Amino acid sequence: MGVIAFFIFMGALLFGVWEGWKPLDASYFCFVTISTIGFGDMVPGSANFENSEAQYQMIFSAVYMMFGKSTNNNQK
């Protein structure tokens, strides 16, 4: 349970800074993404992808989501 809480907290910090979301919105996005509910009401990547920084952010977002979803499989 602590691993999932850590992932949500760290993801909320990152997405809050990158996307300019409020902390509660970023936490909500991370929870919905990691728990595989995926409503689609909040989507990262609203920035322009022509610069390399935004491209790296999307790559990191995909890696975050993959590892976050894998934490659900290991919880008992």
PDB file of N, CA and C in Angstrom:
ATOM      1  N   MET A   1       0.825  -1.192   0.000  1.00  0.00           N
ATOM      2  CA  MET A   1       0.000   0.000   0.000  1.00  0.00           C
ATOM      3  C   MET A   1       0.870   1.256   0.000  1.00  0.00           C
ATOM      4  N   GLY A   2       1.996   1.179   0.697  1.00  0.00           N
ATOM      5  CA  GLY A   2       2.898   2.323   0.748  1.00  0.00           C
ATOM      6  C   GLY A   2       3.524   2.633  -0.592  1.00  0.00           C
ATOM      7  N   VAL A   3       3.769   1.586  -1.389  1.00  0.00           N
ATOM      8  CA  VAL A   3       4.366   1.788  -2.715  1.00  0.00           C
ATOM      9  C   VAL A   3       3.398   2.538  -3.619  1.00  0.00           C
ATOM     10  N   ILE A   4       2.146   2.149  -3.557  1.00  0.00           N
ATOM     11  CA  ILE A   4       1.139   2.828  -4.381  1.00  0.00           C
ATOM     12  C   ILE A   4       0.970   4.276  -3.937  1.00  0.00           C
ATOM     13  N   ALA A   5       0.923   4.505  -2.635  1.00  0.00           N
ATOM     14  CA  ALA A   5       0.803   5.875  -2.125  1.00  0.00           C
ATOM     15  C   ALA A   5       2.002   6.711  -2.544  1.00  0.00           C
ATOM     16  N   PHE A   6       3.186   6.123  -2.503  1.00  0.00           N
ATOM     17  CA  PHE A   6       4.398   6.834  -2.935  1.00  0.00           C
ATOM     18  C   PHE A   6       4.315   7.187  -4.415  1.00  0.00           C
ATOM     19  N   PHE A   7       3.864   6.228  -5.244  1.00  0.00           N
ATOM     20  CA  PHE A   7       3.742   6.485  -6.676  1.00  0.00           C
ATOM     21  C   PHE A   7       2.738   7.598  -6.951  1.00  0.00           C
ATOM     22  N   ILE A   8       1.620   7.589  -6.248  1.00  0.00           N
ATOM     23  CA  ILE A   8       0.617   8.631  -6.454  1.00  0.00           C
ATOM     24  C   ILE A   8       1.157   9.986  -6.023  1.00  0.00           C
ATOM     25  N   PHE A   9       1.830  10.028  -4.880  1.00  0.00           N
ATOM     26  CA  PHE A   9       2.382  11.292  -4.370  1.00  0.00           C
ATOM     27  C   PHE A   9       3.441  11.858  -5.315  1.00  0.00           C
ATOM     28  N   MET A  10       4.385  11.028  -5.721  1.00  0.00           N
ATOM     29  CA  MET A  10       5.455  11.515  -6.606  1.00  0.00           C
ATOM     30  C   MET A  10       4.903  11.894  -7.983  1.00  0.00           C
ATOM     31  N   GLY A  11       3.984  11.104  -8.490  1.00  0.00           N
ATOM     32  CA  GLY A  11       3.365  11.439  -9.770  1.00  0.00           C
ATOM     33  C   GLY A  11       2.576  12.730  -9.702  1.00  0.00           C
ATOM     34  N   ALA A  12       1.891  12.945  -8.577  1.00  0.00           N
ATOM     35  CA  ALA A  12       1.133  14.185  -8.410  1.00  0.00           C
ATOM     36  C   ALA A  12       2.058  15.394  -8.398  1.00  0.00           C
ATOM     37  N   LEU A  13       3.215  15.244  -7.767  1.00  0.00           N
ATOM     38  CA  LEU A  13       4.185  16.346  -7.777  1.00  0.00           C
ATOM     39  C   LEU A  13       4.661  16.641  -9.197  1.00  0.00           C
ATOM     40  N   LEU A  14       5.047  15.607  -9.918  1.00  0.00           N
ATOM     41  CA  LEU A  14       5.565  15.805 -11.273  1.00  0.00           C
ATOM     42  C   LEU A  14       4.506  16.353 -12.228  1.00  0.00           C
ATOM     43  N   PHE A  15       3.342  15.714 -12.246  1.00  0.00           N
ATOM     44  CA  PHE A  15       2.308  16.164 -13.174  1.00  0.00           C
ATOM     45  C   PHE A  15       1.754  17.527 -12.783  1.00  0.00           C
ATOM     46  N   GLY A  16       1.761  17.829 -11.506  1.00  0.00           N
ATOM     47  CA  GLY A  16       1.345  19.159 -11.074  1.00  0.00           C
ATOM     48  C   GLY A  16       2.250  20.246 -11.626  1.00  0.00           C
ATOM     49  N   VAL A  17       3.546  19.968 -11.628  1.00  0.00           N
ATOM     50  CA  VAL A  17       4.511  20.943 -12.151  1.00  0.00           C
ATOM     51  C   VAL A  17       4.469  20.975 -13.680  1.00  0.00           C
ATOM     52  N   TRP A  18       4.518  19.814 -14.294  1.00  0.00           N
ATOM     53  CA  TRP A  18       4.578  19.748 -15.757  1.00  0.00           C
ATOM     54  C   TRP A  18       3.318  20.270 -16.433  1.00  0.00           C
ATOM     55  N   GLU A  19       2.164  19.879 -15.916  1.00  0.00           N
ATOM     56  CA  GLU A  19       0.908  20.222 -16.573  1.00  0.00           C
ATOM     57  C   GLU A  19       0.228  21.444 -15.976  1.00  0.00           C
ATOM     58  N   GLY A  20       0.726  21.916 -14.834  1.00  0.00           N
ATOM     59  CA  GLY A  20       0.105  23.060 -14.182  1.00  0.00           C
ATOM     60  C   GLY A  20      -1.201  22.712 -13.502  1.00  0.00           C
ATOM     61  N   TRP A  21      -1.361  21.437 -13.120  1.00  0.00           N
ATOM     62  CA  TRP A  21      -2.575  20.994 -12.454  1.00  0.00           C
ATOM     63  C   TRP A  21      -2.511  21.292 -10.967  1.00  0.00           C
ATOM     64  N   LYS A  22      -3.674  21.435 -10.351  1.00  0.00           N
ATOM     65  CA  LYS A  22      -3.757  21.566  -8.890  1.00  0.00           C
ATOM     66  C   LYS A  22      -3.346  20.227  -8.275  1.00  0.00           C
ATOM     67  N   PRO A  23      -2.842  20.239  -7.032  1.00  0.00           N
ATOM     68  CA  PRO A  23      -2.395  18.976  -6.412  1.00  0.00           C
ATOM     69  C   PRO A  23      -3.481  17.894  -6.357  1.00  0.00           C
ATOM     70  N   LEU A  24      -4.712  18.281  -6.062  1.00  0.00           N
ATOM     71  CA  LEU A  24      -5.784  17.286  -5.997  1.00  0.00           C
ATOM     72  C   LEU A  24      -6.089  16.708  -7.380  1.00  0.00           C
ATOM     73  N   ASP A  25      -6.061  17.550  -8.406  1.00  0.00           N
ATOM     74  CA  ASP A  25      -6.286  17.068  -9.770  1.00  0.00           C
ATOM     75  C   ASP A  25      -5.176  16.116 -10.209  1.00  0.00           C
ATOM     76  N   ALA A  26      -3.938  16.463  -9.889  1.00  0.00           N
ATOM     77  CA  ALA A  26      -2.814  15.608 -10.262  1.00  0.00           C
ATOM     78  C   ALA A  26      -2.873  14.283  -9.512  1.00  0.00           C
ATOM     79  N   SER A  27      -3.251  14.311  -8.232  1.00  0.00           N
ATOM     80  CA  SER A  27      -3.394  13.072  -7.458  1.00  0.00           C
ATOM     81  C   SER A  27      -4.511  12.216  -8.024  1.00  0.00           C
ATOM     82  N   TYR A  28      -5.610  12.850  -8.383  1.00  0.00           N
ATOM     83  CA  TYR A  28      -6.733  12.139  -8.989  1.00  0.00           C
ATOM     84  C   TYR A  28      -6.296  11.464 -10.284  1.00  0.00           C
ATOM     85  N   PHE A  29      -5.574  12.181 -11.139  1.00  0.00           N
ATOM     86  CA  PHE A  29      -5.094  11.610 -12.397  1.00  0.00           C
ATOM     87  C   PHE A  29      -4.216  10.396 -12.130  1.00  0.00           C
ATOM     88  N   CYS A  30      -3.287  10.529 -11.171  1.00  0.00           N
ATOM     89  CA  CYS A  30      -2.369   9.421 -10.874  1.00  0.00           C
ATOM     90  C   CYS A  30      -3.124   8.209 -10.335  1.00  0.00           C
ATOM     91  N   PHE A  31      -4.081   8.420  -9.449  1.00  0.00           N
ATOM     92  CA  PHE A  31      -4.860   7.302  -8.909  1.00  0.00           C
ATOM     93  C   PHE A  31      -5.660   6.615 -10.002  1.00  0.00           C
ATOM     94  N   VAL A  32      -6.339   7.391 -10.828  1.00  0.00           N
ATOM     95  CA  VAL A  32      -7.169   6.815 -11.887  1.00  0.00           C
ATOM     96  C   VAL A  32      -6.295   6.067 -12.896  1.00  0.00           C
ATOM     97  N   THR A  33      -5.122   6.586 -13.177  1.00  0.00           N
ATOM     98  CA  THR A  33      -4.224   5.935 -14.127  1.00  0.00           C
ATOM     99  C   THR A  33      -3.642   4.654 -13.551  1.00  0.00           C
ATOM    100  N   ILE A  34      -3.130   4.715 -12.337  1.00  0.00           N
ATOM    101  CA  ILE A  34      -2.489   3.542 -11.738  1.00  0.00           C
ATOM    102  C   ILE A  34      -3.511   2.446 -11.446  1.00  0.00           C
ATOM    103  N   SER A  35      -4.718   2.810 -11.069  1.00  0.00           N
ATOM    104  CA  SER A  35      -5.727   1.804 -10.757  1.00  0.00           C
ATOM    105  C   SER A  35      -6.400   1.252 -12.014  1.00  0.00           C
ATOM    106  N   THR A  36      -5.991   1.706 -13.168  1.00  0.00           N
ATOM    107  CA  THR A  36      -6.483   1.287 -14.492  1.00  0.00           C
ATOM    108  C   THR A  36      -7.951   1.601 -14.714  1.00  0.00           C
ATOM    109  N   ILE A  37      -8.499   2.557 -13.979  1.00  0.00           N
ATOM    110  CA  ILE A  37      -9.871   2.989 -14.238  1.00  0.00           C
ATOM    111  C   ILE A  37      -9.894   3.763 -15.553  1.00  0.00           C
ATOM    112  N   GLY A  38      -9.034   4.777 -15.663  1.00  0.00           N
ATOM    113  CA  GLY A  38      -8.837   5.497 -16.913  1.00  0.00           C
ATOM    114  C   GLY A  38     -10.074   6.155 -17.486  1.00  0.00           C
ATOM    115  N   PHE A  39     -10.652   7.102 -16.779  1.00  0.00           N
ATOM    116  CA  PHE A  39     -11.827   7.802 -17.289  1.00  0.00           C
ATOM    117  C   PHE A  39     -11.524   8.625 -18.542  1.00  0.00           C
ATOM    118  N   GLY A  40     -10.326   9.180 -18.628  1.00  0.00           N
ATOM    119  CA  GLY A  40      -9.969   9.989 -19.790  1.00  0.00           C
ATOM    120  C   GLY A  40     -10.357  11.436 -19.673  1.00  0.00           C
ATOM    121  N   ASP A  41     -10.797  11.856 -18.497  1.00  0.00           N
ATOM    122  CA  ASP A  41     -11.190  13.250 -18.329  1.00  0.00           C
ATOM    123  C   ASP A  41      -9.990  14.163 -18.140  1.00  0.00           C
ATOM    124  N   MET A  42      -8.871  13.602 -17.717  1.00  0.00           N
ATOM    125  CA  MET A  42      -7.625  14.371 -17.596  1.00  0.00           C
ATOM    126  C   MET A  42      -6.550  13.610 -18.364  1.00  0.00           C
ATOM    127  N   VAL A  43      -5.879  14.317 -19.261  1.00  0.00           N
ATOM    128  CA  VAL A  43      -4.885  13.680 -20.115  1.00  0.00           C
ATOM    129  C   VAL A  43      -3.616  14.517 -20.095  1.00  0.00           C
ATOM    130  N   PRO A  44      -2.463  13.900 -19.820  1.00  0.00           N
ATOM    131  CA  PRO A  44      -1.219  14.674 -19.878  1.00  0.00           C
ATOM    132  C   PRO A  44      -0.815  14.914 -21.321  1.00  0.00           C
ATOM    133  N   GLY A  45       0.030  15.879 -21.514  1.00  0.00           N
ATOM    134  CA  GLY A  45       0.554  16.119 -22.852  1.00  0.00           C
ATOM    135  C   GLY A  45      -0.154  17.213 -23.604  1.00  0.00           C
ATOM    136  N   SER A  46      -0.675  18.174 -22.893  1.00  0.00           N
ATOM    137  CA  SER A  46      -1.329  19.279 -23.574  1.00  0.00           C
ATOM    138  C   SER A  46      -0.311  20.262 -24.149  1.00  0.00           C
ATOM    139  N   ALA A  47       0.960  20.034 -23.839  1.00  0.00           N
ATOM    140  CA  ALA A  47       2.019  20.932 -24.325  1.00  0.00           C
ATOM    141  C   ALA A  47       2.352  20.610 -25.781  1.00  0.00           C
ATOM    142  N   ASN A  48       3.046  21.508 -26.395  1.00  0.00           N
ATOM    143  CA  ASN A  48       3.501  21.335 -27.769  1.00  0.00           C
ATOM    144  C   ASN A  48       4.652  20.334 -27.784  1.00  0.00           C
ATOM    145  N   PHE A  49       4.601  19.341 -28.676  1.00  0.00           N
ATOM    146  CA  PHE A  49       5.622  18.294 -28.697  1.00  0.00           C
ATOM    147  C   PHE A  49       6.789  18.603 -29.625  1.00  0.00           C
ATOM    148  N   GLU A  50       6.891  19.822 -30.086  1.00  0.00           N
ATOM    149  CA  GLU A  50       7.984  20.148 -30.995  1.00  0.00           C
ATOM    150  C   GLU A  50       9.303  20.362 -30.271  1.00  0.00           C
ATOM    151  N   ASN A  51       9.267  20.633 -28.960  1.00  0.00           N
ATOM    152  CA  ASN A  51      10.534  20.778 -28.244  1.00  0.00           C
ATOM    153  C   ASN A  51      10.871  19.459 -27.550  1.00  0.00           C
ATOM    154  N   SER A  52      12.141  19.254 -27.309  1.00  0.00           N
ATOM    155  CA  SER A  52      12.594  17.976 -26.769  1.00  0.00           C
ATOM    156  C   SER A  52      12.167  17.777 -25.317  1.00  0.00           C
ATOM    157  N   GLU A  53      11.998  18.849 -24.559  1.00  0.00           N
ATOM    158  CA  GLU A  53      11.592  18.712 -23.166  1.00  0.00           C
ATOM    159  C   GLU A  53      10.208  18.080 -23.057  1.00  0.00           C
ATOM    160  N   ALA A  54       9.270  18.508 -23.876  1.00  0.00           N
ATOM    161  CA  ALA A  54       7.918  17.950 -23.850  1.00  0.00           C
ATOM    162  C   ALA A  54       7.920  16.500 -24.307  1.00  0.00           C
ATOM    163  N   GLN A  55       8.795  16.163 -25.250  1.00  0.00           N
ATOM    164  CA  GLN A  55       8.889  14.777 -25.691  1.00  0.00           C
ATOM    165  C   GLN A  55       9.413  13.877 -24.582  1.00  0.00           C
ATOM    166  N   TYR A  56      10.414  14.341 -23.839  1.00  0.00           N
ATOM    167  CA  TYR A  56      10.944  13.564 -22.715  1.00  0.00           C
ATOM    168  C   TYR A  56       9.908  13.423 -21.601  1.00  0.00           C
ATOM    169  N   GLN A  57       9.109  14.455 -21.407  1.00  0.00           N
ATOM    170  CA  GLN A  57       8.055  14.377 -20.396  1.00  0.00           C
ATOM    171  C   GLN A  57       7.038  13.299 -20.759  1.00  0.00           C
ATOM    172  N   MET A  58       6.667  13.190 -22.028  1.00  0.00           N
ATOM    173  CA  MET A  58       5.718  12.163 -22.438  1.00  0.00           C
ATOM    174  C   MET A  58       6.317  10.767 -22.322  1.00  0.00           C
ATOM    175  N   ILE A  59       7.599  10.625 -22.630  1.00  0.00           N
ATOM    176  CA  ILE A  59       8.258   9.327 -22.467  1.00  0.00           C
ATOM    177  C   ILE A  59       8.271   8.942 -20.995  1.00  0.00           C
ATOM    178  N   PHE A  60       8.624   9.892 -20.130  1.00  0.00           N
ATOM    179  CA  PHE A  60       8.633   9.612 -18.698  1.00  0.00           C
ATOM    180  C   PHE A  60       7.227   9.297 -18.200  1.00  0.00           C
ATOM    181  N   SER A  61       6.229   9.975 -18.746  1.00  0.00           N
ATOM    182  CA  SER A  61       4.841   9.707 -18.354  1.00  0.00           C
ATOM    183  C   SER A  61       4.455   8.271 -18.697  1.00  0.00           C
ATOM    184  N   ALA A  62       4.839   7.814 -19.861  1.00  0.00           N
ATOM    185  CA  ALA A  62       4.531   6.438 -20.266  1.00  0.00           C
ATOM    186  C   ALA A  62       5.231   5.432 -19.366  1.00  0.00           C
ATOM    187  N   VAL A  63       6.492   5.696 -19.025  1.00  0.00           N
ATOM    188  CA  VAL A  63       7.236   4.803 -18.133  1.00  0.00           C
ATOM    189  C   VAL A  63       6.607   4.811 -16.741  1.00  0.00           C
ATOM    190  N   TYR A  64       6.231   5.996 -16.264  1.00  0.00           N
ATOM    191  CA  TYR A  64       5.560   6.112 -14.961  1.00  0.00           C
ATOM    192  C   TYR A  64       4.293   5.270 -14.936  1.00  0.00           C
ATOM    193  N   MET A  65       3.499   5.359 -15.995  1.00  0.00           N
ATOM    194  CA  MET A  65       2.251   4.613 -16.038  1.00  0.00           C
ATOM    195  C   MET A  65       2.495   3.106 -16.066  1.00  0.00           C
ATOM    196  N   MET A  66       3.497   2.671 -16.825  1.00  0.00           N
ATOM    197  CA  MET A  66       3.808   1.239 -16.877  1.00  0.00           C
ATOM    198  C   MET A  66       4.216   0.704 -15.511  1.00  0.00           C
ATOM    199  N   PHE A  67       5.149   1.392 -14.856  1.00  0.00           N
ATOM    200  CA  PHE A  67       5.601   0.934 -13.547  1.00  0.00           C
ATOM    201  C   PHE A  67       4.515   1.087 -12.487  1.00  0.00           C
ATOM    202  N   GLY A  68       3.718   2.119 -12.588  1.00  0.00           N
ATOM    203  CA  GLY A  68       2.633   2.312 -11.644  1.00  0.00           C
ATOM    204  C   GLY A  68       1.589   1.212 -11.730  1.00  0.00           C
ATOM    205  N   LYS A  69       1.270   0.810 -12.945  1.00  0.00           N
ATOM    206  CA  LYS A  69       0.300  -0.266 -13.111  1.00  0.00           C
ATOM    207  C   LYS A  69       0.863  -1.595 -12.634  1.00  0.00           C
ATOM    208  N   SER A  70       2.157  -1.773 -12.762  1.00  0.00           N
ATOM    209  CA  SER A  70       2.748  -3.031 -12.305  1.00  0.00           C
ATOM    210  C   SER A  70       2.762  -3.131 -10.782  1.00  0.00           C
ATOM    211  N   THR A  71       2.683  -2.017 -10.068  1.00  0.00           N
ATOM    212  CA  THR A  71       2.662  -2.083  -8.607  1.00  0.00           C
ATOM    213  C   THR A  71       1.350  -2.702  -8.118  1.00  0.00           C
ATOM    214  N   ASN A  72       0.272  -2.578  -8.878  1.00  0.00           N
ATOM    215  CA  ASN A  72      -1.004  -3.179  -8.475  1.00  0.00           C
ATOM    216  C   ASN A  72      -0.953  -4.694  -8.493  1.00  0.00           C
ATOM    217  N   ASN A  73      -0.149  -5.260  -9.376  1.00  0.00           N
ATOM    218  CA  ASN A  73      -0.078  -6.708  -9.494  1.00  0.00           C
ATOM    219  C   ASN A  73       0.659  -7.345  -8.326  1.00  0.00           C
ATOM    220  N   ASN A  74       1.518  -6.590  -7.656  1.00  0.00           N
ATOM    221  CA  ASN A  74       2.344  -7.155  -6.593  1.00  0.00           C
ATOM    222  C   ASN A  74       1.750  -6.957  -5.202  1.00  0.00           C
ATOM    223  N   GLN A  75       0.651  -6.262  -5.071  1.00  0.00           N
ATOM    224  CA  GLN A  75       0.060  -5.999  -3.764  1.00  0.00           C
ATOM    225  C   GLN A  75      -0.794  -7.181  -3.332  1.00  0.00           C
ATOM    226  N   LYS A  76      -0.714  -7.510  -2.048  1.00  0.00           N
ATOM    227  CA  LYS A  76      -1.503  -8.636  -1.513  1.00  0.00           C
ATOM    228  C   LYS A  76      -2.462  -8.132  -0.461  1.00  0.00           C
TER     229      LYS A  76
END
